[in-house]
């Protein structure tokens, strides 16, 4: 019987000898950017509710960049909604100067509503 090589390459895939079998030596791409709050929430949603989609993204190596992009877009959307709501409801620096507690209450209310919108539009879909 001929000697088996410890590593071979076929069709652009590198294989490693394990016992009598060659196993693909697959490596996931490096993950550079951290995913934020919305990306992590969407990852958990995919794991629990859309496992096929999660597995597909994971196996093709696109999961991390997908989550990073989603997180970035969700943060931008959140900021945009908060700014628009503040302008529409008259939550200004002048209000902050006159009545700080009212300003804080309104800002918290706006942030909560904006987050709920982002979660429903982008994270839990």
PDB file of N, CA and C in Angstrom:
ATOM      1  N   UNK A   1       0.846  -1.173   0.000  1.00  0.00           N
ATOM      2  CA  UNK A   1       0.000   0.000   0.000  1.00  0.00           C
ATOM      3  C   UNK A   1       0.890   1.234   0.000  1.00  0.00           C
ATOM      4  N   UNK A   2       0.460   2.266  -0.754  1.00  0.00           N
ATOM      5  CA  UNK A   2       1.308   3.453  -0.859  1.00  0.00           C
ATOM      6  C   UNK A   2       1.147   4.359   0.355  1.00  0.00           C
ATOM      7  N   UNK A   3       2.152   5.167   0.596  1.00  0.00           N
ATOM      8  CA  UNK A   3       2.197   6.117   1.719  1.00  0.00           C
ATOM      9  C   UNK A   3       1.231   7.277   1.465  1.00  0.00           C
ATOM     10  N   UNK A   4       0.393   7.618   2.434  1.00  0.00           N
ATOM     11  CA  UNK A   4      -0.541   8.733   2.304  1.00  0.00           C
ATOM     12  C   UNK A   4       0.112  10.024   2.781  1.00  0.00           C
ATOM     13  N   UNK A   5      -0.096  11.098   2.023  1.00  0.00           N
ATOM     14  CA  UNK A   5       0.469  12.399   2.387  1.00  0.00           C
ATOM     15  C   UNK A   5      -0.341  12.994   3.538  1.00  0.00           C
ATOM     16  N   UNK A   6       0.315  13.736   4.449  1.00  0.00           N
ATOM     17  CA  UNK A   6      -0.422  14.326   5.575  1.00  0.00           C
ATOM     18  C   UNK A   6      -1.376  15.443   5.146  1.00  0.00           C
ATOM     19  N   UNK A   7      -1.079  16.124   4.019  1.00  0.00           N
ATOM     20  CA  UNK A   7      -1.946  17.192   3.505  1.00  0.00           C
ATOM     21  C   UNK A   7      -2.006  17.101   1.991  1.00  0.00           C
ATOM     22  N   UNK A   8      -3.211  17.296   1.440  1.00  0.00           N
ATOM     23  CA  UNK A   8      -3.352  17.359  -0.014  1.00  0.00           C
ATOM     24  C   UNK A   8      -4.290  18.519  -0.353  1.00  0.00           C
ATOM     25  N   UNK A   9      -4.224  18.957  -1.601  1.00  0.00           N
ATOM     26  CA  UNK A   9      -5.126  20.006  -2.074  1.00  0.00           C
ATOM     27  C   UNK A   9      -5.816  19.518  -3.330  1.00  0.00           C
ATOM     28  N   UNK A  10      -7.142  19.578  -3.313  1.00  0.00           N
ATOM     29  CA  UNK A  10      -7.935  19.198  -4.481  1.00  0.00           C
ATOM     30  C   UNK A  10      -9.026  20.231  -4.683  1.00  0.00           C
ATOM     31  N   UNK A  11      -9.189  20.685  -5.921  1.00  0.00           N
ATOM     32  CA  UNK A  11     -10.229  21.659  -6.274  1.00  0.00           C
ATOM     33  C   UNK A  11     -10.177  22.907  -5.391  1.00  0.00           C
ATOM     34  N   UNK A  12      -8.974  23.325  -5.007  1.00  0.00           N
ATOM     35  CA  UNK A  12      -8.816  24.532  -4.203  1.00  0.00           C
ATOM     36  C   UNK A  12      -9.112  24.356  -2.729  1.00  0.00           C
ATOM     37  N   UNK A  13      -9.371  23.127  -2.299  1.00  0.00           N
ATOM     38  CA  UNK A  13      -9.654  22.855  -0.888  1.00  0.00           C
ATOM     39  C   UNK A  13      -8.519  22.007  -0.326  1.00  0.00           C
ATOM     40  N   UNK A  14      -8.015  22.437   0.829  1.00  0.00           N
ATOM     41  CA  UNK A  14      -6.935  21.693   1.458  1.00  0.00           C
ATOM     42  C   UNK A  14      -7.528  20.639   2.396  1.00  0.00           C
ATOM     43  N   UNK A  15      -6.957  19.425   2.349  1.00  0.00           N
ATOM     44  CA  UNK A  15      -7.426  18.322   3.173  1.00  0.00           C
ATOM     45  C   UNK A  15      -6.300  17.858   4.090  1.00  0.00           C
ATOM     46  N   UNK A  16      -6.683  17.416   5.296  1.00  0.00           N
ATOM     47  CA  UNK A  16      -5.730  16.921   6.289  1.00  0.00           C
ATOM     48  C   UNK A  16      -6.015  15.442   6.513  1.00  0.00           C
ATOM     49  N   UNK A  17      -4.961  14.655   6.614  1.00  0.00           N
ATOM     50  CA  UNK A  17      -5.099  13.222   6.861  1.00  0.00           C
ATOM     51  C   UNK A  17      -5.398  12.974   8.338  1.00  0.00           C
ATOM     52  N   UNK A  18      -6.530  12.317   8.595  1.00  0.00           N
ATOM     53  CA  UNK A  18      -6.910  11.938   9.953  1.00  0.00           C
ATOM     54  C   UNK A  18      -7.207  10.451   9.902  1.00  0.00           C
ATOM     55  N   UNK A  19      -6.314   9.660  10.482  1.00  0.00           N
ATOM     56  CA  UNK A  19      -6.459   8.211  10.379  1.00  0.00           C
ATOM     57  C   UNK A  19      -6.257   7.796   8.929  1.00  0.00           C
ATOM     58  N   UNK A  20      -7.276   7.171   8.324  1.00  0.00           N
ATOM     59  CA  UNK A  20      -7.221   6.760   6.923  1.00  0.00           C
ATOM     60  C   UNK A  20      -8.038   7.679   6.017  1.00  0.00           C
ATOM     61  N   UNK A  21      -8.561   8.769   6.567  1.00  0.00           N
ATOM     62  CA  UNK A  21      -9.456   9.644   5.805  1.00  0.00           C
ATOM     63  C   UNK A  21      -8.878  11.052   5.690  1.00  0.00           C
ATOM     64  N   UNK A  22      -9.217  11.693   4.577  1.00  0.00           N
ATOM     65  CA  UNK A  22      -8.872  13.099   4.404  1.00  0.00           C
ATOM     66  C   UNK A  22     -10.091  13.948   4.776  1.00  0.00           C
ATOM     67  N   UNK A  23      -9.887  14.898   5.690  1.00  0.00           N
ATOM     68  CA  UNK A  23     -10.940  15.789   6.174  1.00  0.00           C
ATOM     69  C   UNK A  23     -10.627  17.204   5.662  1.00  0.00           C
ATOM     70  N   UNK A  24     -11.626  17.928   5.145  1.00  0.00           N
ATOM     71  CA  UNK A  24     -11.364  19.294   4.690  1.00  0.00           C
ATOM     72  C   UNK A  24     -10.860  20.173   5.843  1.00  0.00           C
ATOM     73  N   UNK A  25      -9.835  20.951   5.559  1.00  0.00           N
ATOM     74  CA  UNK A  25      -9.261  21.870   6.547  1.00  0.00           C
ATOM     75  C   UNK A  25      -9.900  23.236   6.326  1.00  0.00           C
ATOM     76  N   UNK A  26     -11.116  23.393   6.856  1.00  0.00           N
ATOM     77  CA  UNK A  26     -11.878  24.617   6.648  1.00  0.00           C
ATOM     78  C   UNK A  26     -11.593  25.609   7.764  1.00  0.00           C
ATOM     79  N   UNK A  27     -11.483  26.879   7.383  1.00  0.00           N
ATOM     80  CA  UNK A  27     -11.250  27.940   8.357  1.00  0.00           C
ATOM     81  C   UNK A  27     -12.241  29.059   8.084  1.00  0.00           C
ATOM     82  N   UNK A  28     -12.847  29.578   9.146  1.00  0.00           N
ATOM     83  CA  UNK A  28     -13.748  30.713   9.014  1.00  0.00           C
ATOM     84  C   UNK A  28     -12.938  31.986   8.846  1.00  0.00           C
ATOM     85  N   UNK A  29     -13.476  32.980   8.146  1.00  0.00           N
ATOM     86  CA  UNK A  29     -12.756  34.240   7.987  1.00  0.00           C
ATOM     87  C   UNK A  29     -12.590  34.947   9.329  1.00  0.00           C
ATOM     88  N   UNK A  30     -11.545  35.763   9.403  1.00  0.00           N
ATOM     89  CA  UNK A  30     -11.283  36.518  10.626  1.00  0.00           C
ATOM     90  C   UNK A  30     -12.407  37.514  10.879  1.00  0.00           C
ATOM     91  N   UNK A  31     -12.776  37.659  12.133  1.00  0.00           N
ATOM     92  CA  UNK A  31     -13.823  38.586  12.518  1.00  0.00           C
ATOM     93  C   UNK A  31     -13.163  39.825  13.104  1.00  0.00           C
ATOM     94  N   UNK A  32     -13.256  40.938  12.369  1.00  0.00           N
ATOM     95  CA  UNK A  32     -12.552  42.146  12.774  1.00  0.00           C
ATOM     96  C   UNK A  32     -13.421  43.106  13.575  1.00  0.00           C
ATOM     97  N   UNK A  33     -14.495  43.560  12.971  1.00  0.00           N
ATOM     98  CA  UNK A  33     -15.353  44.542  13.641  1.00  0.00           C
ATOM     99  C   UNK A  33     -16.223  43.835  14.681  1.00  0.00           C
ATOM    100  N   UNK A  34     -16.370  44.448  15.842  1.00  0.00           N
ATOM    101  CA  UNK A  34     -17.281  43.844  16.828  1.00  0.00           C
ATOM    102  C   UNK A  34     -18.718  44.117  16.435  1.00  0.00           C
ATOM    103  N   UNK A  35     -19.573  43.142  16.675  1.00  0.00           N
ATOM    104  CA  UNK A  35     -20.992  43.391  16.423  1.00  0.00           C
ATOM    105  C   UNK A  35     -21.563  44.010  17.685  1.00  0.00           C
ATOM    106  N   UNK A  36     -22.463  44.934  17.507  1.00  0.00           N
ATOM    107  CA  UNK A  36     -23.047  45.646  18.639  1.00  0.00           C
ATOM    108  C   UNK A  36     -24.309  44.981  19.155  1.00  0.00           C
ATOM    109  N   UNK A  37     -25.055  45.760  19.888  1.00  0.00           N
ATOM    110  CA  UNK A  37     -26.262  45.287  20.557  1.00  0.00           C
ATOM    111  C   UNK A  37     -27.276  44.707  19.577  1.00  0.00           C
ATOM    112  N   UNK A  38     -27.563  45.441  18.506  1.00  0.00           N
ATOM    113  CA  UNK A  38     -28.589  44.986  17.564  1.00  0.00           C
ATOM    114  C   UNK A  38     -28.118  43.752  16.785  1.00  0.00           C
ATOM    115  N   UNK A  39     -26.834  43.698  16.438  1.00  0.00           N
ATOM    116  CA  UNK A  39     -26.297  42.529  15.755  1.00  0.00           C
ATOM    117  C   UNK A  39     -26.374  41.281  16.619  1.00  0.00           C
ATOM    118  N   UNK A  40     -26.061  41.433  17.898  1.00  0.00           N
ATOM    119  CA  UNK A  40     -26.135  40.293  18.818  1.00  0.00           C
ATOM    120  C   UNK A  40     -27.573  39.830  19.012  1.00  0.00           C
ATOM    121  N   UNK A  41     -28.485  40.785  19.110  1.00  0.00           N
ATOM    122  CA  UNK A  41     -29.892  40.421  19.273  1.00  0.00           C
ATOM    123  C   UNK A  41     -30.410  39.687  18.034  1.00  0.00           C
ATOM    124  N   UNK A  42     -29.992  40.158  16.854  1.00  0.00           N
ATOM    125  CA  UNK A  42     -30.439  39.513  15.616  1.00  0.00           C
ATOM    126  C   UNK A  42     -29.829  38.117  15.487  1.00  0.00           C
ATOM    127  N   UNK A  43     -28.577  37.956  15.915  1.00  0.00           N
ATOM    128  CA  UNK A  43     -27.944  36.628  15.880  1.00  0.00           C
ATOM    129  C   UNK A  43     -28.727  35.644  16.738  1.00  0.00           C
ATOM    130  N   UNK A  44     -29.122  36.057  17.945  1.00  0.00           N
ATOM    131  CA  UNK A  44     -29.904  35.178  18.818  1.00  0.00           C
ATOM    132  C   UNK A  44     -31.265  34.877  18.203  1.00  0.00           C
ATOM    133  N   UNK A  45     -31.870  35.871  17.579  1.00  0.00           N
ATOM    134  CA  UNK A  45     -33.159  35.655  16.901  1.00  0.00           C
ATOM    135  C   UNK A  45     -33.010  34.629  15.782  1.00  0.00           C
ATOM    136  N   UNK A  46     -31.942  34.770  14.973  1.00  0.00           N
ATOM    137  CA  UNK A  46     -31.723  33.812  13.885  1.00  0.00           C
ATOM    138  C   UNK A  46     -31.505  32.406  14.428  1.00  0.00           C
ATOM    139  N   UNK A  47     -30.733  32.268  15.494  1.00  0.00           N
ATOM    140  CA  UNK A  47     -30.474  30.954  16.086  1.00  0.00           C
ATOM    141  C   UNK A  47     -31.765  30.283  16.539  1.00  0.00           C
ATOM    142  N   UNK A  48     -32.643  31.074  17.160  1.00  0.00           N
ATOM    143  CA  UNK A  48     -33.856  30.500  17.740  1.00  0.00           C
ATOM    144  C   UNK A  48     -35.013  30.358  16.755  1.00  0.00           C
ATOM    145  N   UNK A  49     -35.169  31.310  15.843  1.00  0.00           N
ATOM    146  CA  UNK A  49     -36.352  31.347  14.993  1.00  0.00           C
ATOM    147  C   UNK A  49     -36.098  30.996  13.528  1.00  0.00           C
ATOM    148  N   UNK A  50     -34.908  31.251  13.032  1.00  0.00           N
ATOM    149  CA  UNK A  50     -34.596  31.031  11.610  1.00  0.00           C
ATOM    150  C   UNK A  50     -33.298  30.246  11.496  1.00  0.00           C
ATOM    151  N   UNK A  51     -33.281  29.047  12.044  1.00  0.00           N
ATOM    152  CA  UNK A  51     -32.030  28.300  12.134  1.00  0.00           C
ATOM    153  C   UNK A  51     -31.434  27.965  10.767  1.00  0.00           C
ATOM    154  N   UNK A  52     -32.279  27.731   9.777  1.00  0.00           N
ATOM    155  CA  UNK A  52     -31.776  27.433   8.431  1.00  0.00           C
ATOM    156  C   UNK A  52     -31.000  28.605   7.856  1.00  0.00           C
ATOM    157  N   UNK A  53     -31.556  29.798   7.996  1.00  0.00           N
ATOM    158  CA  UNK A  53     -30.877  31.003   7.511  1.00  0.00           C
ATOM    159  C   UNK A  53     -29.584  31.235   8.278  1.00  0.00           C
ATOM    160  N   UNK A  54     -29.630  31.050   9.608  1.00  0.00           N
ATOM    161  CA  UNK A  54     -28.446  31.199  10.450  1.00  0.00           C
ATOM    162  C   UNK A  54     -27.350  30.230  10.016  1.00  0.00           C
ATOM    163  N   UNK A  55     -27.717  28.979   9.814  1.00  0.00           N
ATOM    164  CA  UNK A  55     -26.738  27.961   9.405  1.00  0.00           C
ATOM    165  C   UNK A  55     -26.139  28.284   8.046  1.00  0.00           C
ATOM    166  N   UNK A  56     -26.972  28.725   7.127  1.00  0.00           N
ATOM    167  CA  UNK A  56     -26.493  29.075   5.792  1.00  0.00           C
ATOM    168  C   UNK A  56     -25.474  30.215   5.850  1.00  0.00           C
ATOM    169  N   UNK A  57     -25.802  31.254   6.595  1.00  0.00           N
ATOM    170  CA  UNK A  57     -24.875  32.378   6.728  1.00  0.00           C
ATOM    171  C   UNK A  57     -23.584  31.950   7.418  1.00  0.00           C
ATOM    172  N   UNK A  58     -23.707  31.118   8.427  1.00  0.00           N
ATOM    173  CA  UNK A  58     -22.541  30.653   9.169  1.00  0.00           C
ATOM    174  C   UNK A  58     -21.631  29.791   8.300  1.00  0.00           C
ATOM    175  N   UNK A  59     -22.223  28.862   7.559  1.00  0.00           N
ATOM    176  CA  UNK A  59     -21.433  27.940   6.748  1.00  0.00           C
ATOM    177  C   UNK A  59     -20.780  28.609   5.538  1.00  0.00           C
ATOM    178  N   UNK A  60     -21.387  29.677   5.034  1.00  0.00           N
ATOM    179  CA  UNK A  60     -20.780  30.388   3.905  1.00  0.00           C
ATOM    180  C   UNK A  60     -19.782  31.444   4.368  1.00  0.00           C
ATOM    181  N   UNK A  61     -19.672  31.645   5.687  1.00  0.00           N
ATOM    182  CA  UNK A  61     -18.723  32.613   6.219  1.00  0.00           C
ATOM    183  C   UNK A  61     -19.203  34.051   6.120  1.00  0.00           C
ATOM    184  N   UNK A  62     -20.499  34.246   5.909  1.00  0.00           N
ATOM    185  CA  UNK A  62     -21.043  35.598   5.744  1.00  0.00           C
ATOM    186  C   UNK A  62     -21.768  36.107   6.981  1.00  0.00           C
ATOM    187  N   UNK A  63     -21.891  35.292   8.007  1.00  0.00           N
ATOM    188  CA  UNK A  63     -22.687  35.672   9.179  1.00  0.00           C
ATOM    189  C   UNK A  63     -22.148  36.928   9.850  1.00  0.00           C
ATOM    190  N   UNK A  64     -20.852  36.956  10.102  1.00  0.00           N
ATOM    191  CA  UNK A  64     -20.288  38.063  10.869  1.00  0.00           C
ATOM    192  C   UNK A  64     -20.438  39.389  10.138  1.00  0.00           C
ATOM    193  N   UNK A  65     -20.125  39.424   8.855  1.00  0.00           N
ATOM    194  CA  UNK A  65     -20.250  40.679   8.107  1.00  0.00           C
ATOM    195  C   UNK A  65     -21.717  41.082   7.986  1.00  0.00           C
ATOM    196  N   UNK A  66     -22.616  40.107   7.843  1.00  0.00           N
ATOM    197  CA  UNK A  66     -24.052  40.383   7.802  1.00  0.00           C
ATOM    198  C   UNK A  66     -24.508  41.043   9.102  1.00  0.00           C
ATOM    199  N   UNK A  67     -24.079  40.498  10.234  1.00  0.00           N
ATOM    200  CA  UNK A  67     -24.469  41.049  11.528  1.00  0.00           C
ATOM    201  C   UNK A  67     -23.855  42.426  11.762  1.00  0.00           C
ATOM    202  N   UNK A  68     -22.606  42.606  11.335  1.00  0.00           N
ATOM    203  CA  UNK A  68     -21.963  43.912  11.469  1.00  0.00           C
ATOM    204  C   UNK A  68     -22.704  44.969  10.671  1.00  0.00           C
ATOM    205  N   UNK A  69     -23.071  44.642   9.434  1.00  0.00           N
ATOM    206  CA  UNK A  69     -23.798  45.584   8.584  1.00  0.00           C
ATOM    207  C   UNK A  69     -25.175  45.894   9.165  1.00  0.00           C
ATOM    208  N   UNK A  70     -25.873  44.868   9.630  1.00  0.00           N
ATOM    209  CA  UNK A  70     -27.190  45.076  10.217  1.00  0.00           C
ATOM    210  C   UNK A  70     -27.090  45.966  11.452  1.00  0.00           C
ATOM    211  N   UNK A  71     -26.102  45.722  12.284  1.00  0.00           N
ATOM    212  CA  UNK A  71     -25.932  46.521  13.488  1.00  0.00           C
ATOM    213  C   UNK A  71     -25.664  47.985  13.141  1.00  0.00           C
ATOM    214  N   UNK A  72     -24.816  48.208  12.170  1.00  0.00           N
ATOM    215  CA  UNK A  72     -24.489  49.566  11.744  1.00  0.00           C
ATOM    216  C   UNK A  72     -25.728  50.283  11.201  1.00  0.00           C
ATOM    217  N   UNK A  73     -26.497  49.603  10.374  1.00  0.00           N
ATOM    218  CA  UNK A  73     -27.712  50.196   9.818  1.00  0.00           C
ATOM    219  C   UNK A  73     -28.749  50.462  10.905  1.00  0.00           C
ATOM    220  N   UNK A  74     -28.872  49.550  11.862  1.00  0.00           N
ATOM    221  CA  UNK A  74     -29.843  49.723  12.944  1.00  0.00           C
ATOM    222  C   UNK A  74     -29.464  50.915  13.825  1.00  0.00           C
ATOM    223  N   UNK A  75     -28.176  51.074  14.109  1.00  0.00           N
ATOM    224  CA  UNK A  75     -27.723  52.221  14.907  1.00  0.00           C
ATOM    225  C   UNK A  75     -28.019  53.534  14.185  1.00  0.00           C
ATOM    226  N   UNK A  76     -27.751  53.563  12.877  1.00  0.00           N
ATOM    227  CA  UNK A  76     -28.034  54.767  12.097  1.00  0.00           C
ATOM    228  C   UNK A  76     -29.527  55.062  12.084  1.00  0.00           C
ATOM    229  N   UNK A  77     -30.339  54.039  11.908  1.00  0.00           N
ATOM    230  CA  UNK A  77     -31.796  54.204  11.886  1.00  0.00           C
ATOM    231  C   UNK A  77     -32.285  54.711  13.241  1.00  0.00           C
ATOM    232  N   UNK A  78     -31.763  54.158  14.315  1.00  0.00           N
ATOM    233  CA  UNK A  78     -32.133  54.575  15.668  1.00  0.00           C
ATOM    234  C   UNK A  78     -31.828  56.057  15.882  1.00  0.00           C
ATOM    235  N   UNK A  79     -30.621  56.462  15.517  1.00  0.00           N
ATOM    236  CA  UNK A  79     -30.216  57.864  15.669  1.00  0.00           C
ATOM    237  C   UNK A  79     -31.105  58.789  14.852  1.00  0.00           C
ATOM    238  N   UNK A  80     -31.404  58.397  13.635  1.00  0.00           N
ATOM    239  CA  UNK A  80     -32.259  59.196  12.759  1.00  0.00           C
ATOM    240  C   UNK A  80     -33.660  59.352  13.346  1.00  0.00           C
ATOM    241  N   UNK A  81     -34.238  58.275  13.838  1.00  0.00           N
ATOM    242  CA  UNK A  81     -35.580  58.317  14.421  1.00  0.00           C
ATOM    243  C   UNK A  81     -35.598  59.200  15.662  1.00  0.00           C
ATOM    244  N   UNK A  82     -34.586  59.058  16.524  1.00  0.00           N
ATOM    245  CA  UNK A  82     -34.516  59.872  17.744  1.00  0.00           C
ATOM    246  C   UNK A  82     -34.444  61.354  17.382  1.00  0.00           C
ATOM    247  N   UNK A  83     -33.583  61.692  16.431  1.00  0.00           N
ATOM    248  CA  UNK A  83     -33.459  63.095  16.024  1.00  0.00           C
ATOM    249  C   UNK A  83     -34.763  63.645  15.459  1.00  0.00           C
ATOM    250  N   UNK A  84     -35.441  62.863  14.638  1.00  0.00           N
ATOM    251  CA  UNK A  84     -36.707  63.300  14.053  1.00  0.00           C
ATOM    252  C   UNK A  84     -37.787  63.482  15.127  1.00  0.00           C
ATOM    253  N   UNK A  85     -37.856  62.555  16.074  1.00  0.00           N
ATOM    254  CA  UNK A  85     -38.858  62.652  17.137  1.00  0.00           C
ATOM    255  C   UNK A  85     -38.585  63.845  18.052  1.00  0.00           C
ATOM    256  N   UNK A  86     -37.311  64.076  18.358  1.00  0.00           N
ATOM    257  CA  UNK A  86     -36.968  65.233  19.191  1.00  0.00           C
ATOM    258  C   UNK A  86     -37.402  66.524  18.514  1.00  0.00           C
ATOM    259  N   UNK A  87     -37.146  66.638  17.226  1.00  0.00           N
ATOM    260  CA  UNK A  87     -37.531  67.849  16.489  1.00  0.00           C
ATOM    261  C   UNK A  87     -39.049  67.992  16.443  1.00  0.00           C
ATOM    262  N   UNK A  88     -39.758  66.896  16.213  1.00  0.00           N
ATOM    263  CA  UNK A  88     -41.212  66.946  16.101  1.00  0.00           C
ATOM    264  C   UNK A  88     -41.889  67.266  17.431  1.00  0.00           C
ATOM    265  N   UNK A  89     -41.278  66.829  18.533  1.00  0.00           N
ATOM    266  CA  UNK A  89     -41.904  67.010  19.843  1.00  0.00           C
ATOM    267  C   UNK A  89     -41.340  68.188  20.624  1.00  0.00           C
ATOM    268  N   UNK A  90     -40.428  68.933  20.019  1.00  0.00           N
ATOM    269  CA  UNK A  90     -39.892  70.134  20.662  1.00  0.00           C
ATOM    270  C   UNK A  90     -38.977  69.869  21.839  1.00  0.00           C
ATOM    271  N   UNK A  91     -38.262  68.767  21.809  1.00  0.00           N
ATOM    272  CA  UNK A  91     -37.307  68.452  22.869  1.00  0.00           C
ATOM    273  C   UNK A  91     -35.974  69.104  22.463  1.00  0.00           C
ATOM    274  N   UNK A  92     -35.713  70.267  23.060  1.00  0.00           N
ATOM    275  CA  UNK A  92     -34.553  71.076  22.672  1.00  0.00           C
ATOM    276  C   UNK A  92     -33.650  71.338  23.870  1.00  0.00           C
ATOM    277  N   UNK A  93     -32.536  71.995  23.584  1.00  0.00           N
ATOM    278  CA  UNK A  93     -31.615  72.388  24.652  1.00  0.00           C
ATOM    279  C   UNK A  93     -32.255  73.442  25.559  1.00  0.00           C
ATOM    280  N   UNK A  94     -33.137  74.236  24.994  1.00  0.00           N
ATOM    281  CA  UNK A  94     -33.842  75.236  25.804  1.00  0.00           C
ATOM    282  C   UNK A  94     -34.725  74.551  26.838  1.00  0.00           C
ATOM    283  N   UNK A  95     -35.431  73.505  26.443  1.00  0.00           N
ATOM    284  CA  UNK A  95     -36.243  72.729  27.386  1.00  0.00           C
ATOM    285  C   UNK A  95     -35.352  72.108  28.452  1.00  0.00           C
ATOM    286  N   UNK A  96     -34.195  71.644  28.047  1.00  0.00           N
ATOM    287  CA  UNK A  96     -33.246  71.041  28.982  1.00  0.00           C
ATOM    288  C   UNK A  96     -32.828  72.066  30.041  1.00  0.00           C
ATOM    289  N   UNK A  97     -32.610  73.312  29.604  1.00  0.00           N
ATOM    290  CA  UNK A  97     -32.202  74.373  30.512  1.00  0.00           C
ATOM    291  C   UNK A  97     -33.336  74.758  31.462  1.00  0.00           C
ATOM    292  N   UNK A  98     -34.554  74.810  30.951  1.00  0.00           N
ATOM    293  CA  UNK A  98     -35.706  75.249  31.742  1.00  0.00           C
ATOM    294  C   UNK A  98     -36.197  74.174  32.712  1.00  0.00           C
ATOM    295  N   UNK A  99     -36.349  72.949  32.219  1.00  0.00           N
ATOM    296  CA  UNK A  99     -36.909  71.865  33.039  1.00  0.00           C
ATOM    297  C   UNK A  99     -36.178  70.557  32.705  1.00  0.00           C
ATOM    298  N   UNK A 100     -35.103  70.326  33.421  1.00  0.00           N
ATOM    299  CA  UNK A 100     -34.236  69.178  33.125  1.00  0.00           C
ATOM    300  C   UNK A 100     -34.965  67.841  33.281  1.00  0.00           C
ATOM    301  N   UNK A 101     -35.793  67.708  34.306  1.00  0.00           N
ATOM    302  CA  UNK A 101     -36.485  66.435  34.526  1.00  0.00           C
ATOM    303  C   UNK A 101     -37.480  66.134  33.411  1.00  0.00           C
ATOM    304  N   UNK A 102     -38.192  67.135  32.945  1.00  0.00           N
ATOM    305  CA  UNK A 102     -39.122  66.946  31.829  1.00  0.00           C
ATOM    306  C   UNK A 102     -38.360  66.559  30.570  1.00  0.00           C
ATOM    307  N   UNK A 103     -37.214  67.195  30.364  1.00  0.00           N
ATOM    308  CA  UNK A 103     -36.380  66.888  29.195  1.00  0.00           C
ATOM    309  C   UNK A 103     -35.915  65.428  29.247  1.00  0.00           C
ATOM    310  N   UNK A 104     -35.462  64.978  30.413  1.00  0.00           N
ATOM    311  CA  UNK A 104     -35.001  63.591  30.576  1.00  0.00           C
ATOM    312  C   UNK A 104     -36.149  62.618  30.325  1.00  0.00           C
ATOM    313  N   UNK A 105     -37.326  62.921  30.868  1.00  0.00           N
ATOM    314  CA  UNK A 105     -38.479  62.046  30.671  1.00  0.00           C
ATOM    315  C   UNK A 105     -38.824  61.917  29.190  1.00  0.00           C
ATOM    316  N   UNK A 106     -38.857  63.046  28.511  1.00  0.00           N
ATOM    317  CA  UNK A 106     -39.202  63.016  27.086  1.00  0.00           C
ATOM    318  C   UNK A 106     -38.127  62.303  26.264  1.00  0.00           C
ATOM    319  N   UNK A 107     -36.860  62.540  26.596  1.00  0.00           N
ATOM    320  CA  UNK A 107     -35.771  61.858  25.865  1.00  0.00           C
ATOM    321  C   UNK A 107     -35.846  60.350  26.066  1.00  0.00           C
ATOM    322  N   UNK A 108     -36.081  59.914  27.297  1.00  0.00           N
ATOM    323  CA  UNK A 108     -36.202  58.474  27.566  1.00  0.00           C
ATOM    324  C   UNK A 108     -37.385  57.872  26.820  1.00  0.00           C
ATOM    325  N   UNK A 109     -38.488  58.599  26.798  1.00  0.00           N
ATOM    326  CA  UNK A 109     -39.671  58.132  26.082  1.00  0.00           C
ATOM    327  C   UNK A 109     -39.373  57.994  24.589  1.00  0.00           C
ATOM    328  N   UNK A 110     -38.714  58.992  24.033  1.00  0.00           N
ATOM    329  CA  UNK A 110     -38.369  58.960  22.606  1.00  0.00           C
ATOM    330  C   UNK A 110     -37.418  57.810  22.308  1.00  0.00           C
ATOM    331  N   UNK A 111     -36.407  57.630  23.147  1.00  0.00           N
ATOM    332  CA  UNK A 111     -35.435  56.553  22.920  1.00  0.00           C
ATOM    333  C   UNK A 111     -36.110  55.177  22.989  1.00  0.00           C
ATOM    334  N   UNK A 112     -37.016  55.007  23.934  1.00  0.00           N
ATOM    335  CA  UNK A 112     -37.723  53.723  24.056  1.00  0.00           C
ATOM    336  C   UNK A 112     -38.580  53.439  22.825  1.00  0.00           C
ATOM    337  N   UNK A 113     -39.296  54.456  22.354  1.00  0.00           N
ATOM    338  CA  UNK A 113     -40.119  54.262  21.160  1.00  0.00           C
ATOM    339  C   UNK A 113     -39.272  54.002  19.930  1.00  0.00           C
ATOM    340  N   UNK A 114     -38.163  54.728  19.801  1.00  0.00           N
ATOM    341  CA  UNK A 114     -37.280  54.546  18.643  1.00  0.00           C
ATOM    342  C   UNK A 114     -36.668  53.139  18.653  1.00  0.00           C
ATOM    343  N   UNK A 115     -36.273  52.680  19.823  1.00  0.00           N
ATOM    344  CA  UNK A 115     -35.699  51.336  19.906  1.00  0.00           C
ATOM    345  C   UNK A 115     -36.730  50.274  19.539  1.00  0.00           C
ATOM    346  N   UNK A 116     -37.950  50.461  19.973  1.00  0.00           N
ATOM    347  CA  UNK A 116     -39.022  49.514  19.641  1.00  0.00           C
ATOM    348  C   UNK A 116     -39.237  49.457  18.124  1.00  0.00           C
ATOM    349  N   UNK A 117     -39.172  50.611  17.476  1.00  0.00           N
ATOM    350  CA  UNK A 117     -39.322  50.655  16.019  1.00  0.00           C
ATOM    351  C   UNK A 117     -38.189  49.904  15.341  1.00  0.00           C
ATOM    352  N   UNK A 118     -36.950  50.159  15.776  1.00  0.00           N
ATOM    353  CA  UNK A 118     -35.784  49.493  15.171  1.00  0.00           C
ATOM    354  C   UNK A 118     -35.851  47.987  15.383  1.00  0.00           C
ATOM    355  N   UNK A 119     -36.229  47.565  16.567  1.00  0.00           N
ATOM    356  CA  UNK A 119     -36.325  46.123  16.834  1.00  0.00           C
ATOM    357  C   UNK A 119     -37.352  45.462  15.929  1.00  0.00           C
ATOM    358  N   UNK A 120     -38.489  46.105  15.741  1.00  0.00           N
ATOM    359  CA  UNK A 120     -39.535  45.516  14.905  1.00  0.00           C
ATOM    360  C   UNK A 120     -39.216  45.584  13.421  1.00  0.00           C
ATOM    361  N   UNK A 121     -38.523  46.630  12.995  1.00  0.00           N
ATOM    362  CA  UNK A 121     -38.232  46.785  11.561  1.00  0.00           C
ATOM    363  C   UNK A 121     -36.993  46.032  11.099  1.00  0.00           C
ATOM    364  N   UNK A 122     -36.000  45.897  11.982  1.00  0.00           N
ATOM    365  CA  UNK A 122     -34.712  45.390  11.511  1.00  0.00           C
ATOM    366  C   UNK A 122     -34.197  44.151  12.248  1.00  0.00           C
ATOM    367  N   UNK A 123     -34.473  44.018  13.523  1.00  0.00           N
ATOM    368  CA  UNK A 123     -33.866  42.940  14.297  1.00  0.00           C
ATOM    369  C   UNK A 123     -34.725  41.683  14.281  1.00  0.00           C
ATOM    370  N   UNK A 124     -35.983  41.813  14.559  1.00  0.00           N
ATOM    371  CA  UNK A 124     -36.864  40.648  14.654  1.00  0.00           C
ATOM    372  C   UNK A 124     -37.696  40.498  13.390  1.00  0.00           C
ATOM    373  N   UNK A 125     -37.018  40.265  12.264  1.00  0.00           N
ATOM    374  CA  UNK A 125     -37.710  40.083  10.994  1.00  0.00           C
ATOM    375  C   UNK A 125     -37.338  38.752  10.382  1.00  0.00           C
TER     376      UNK A 125
END
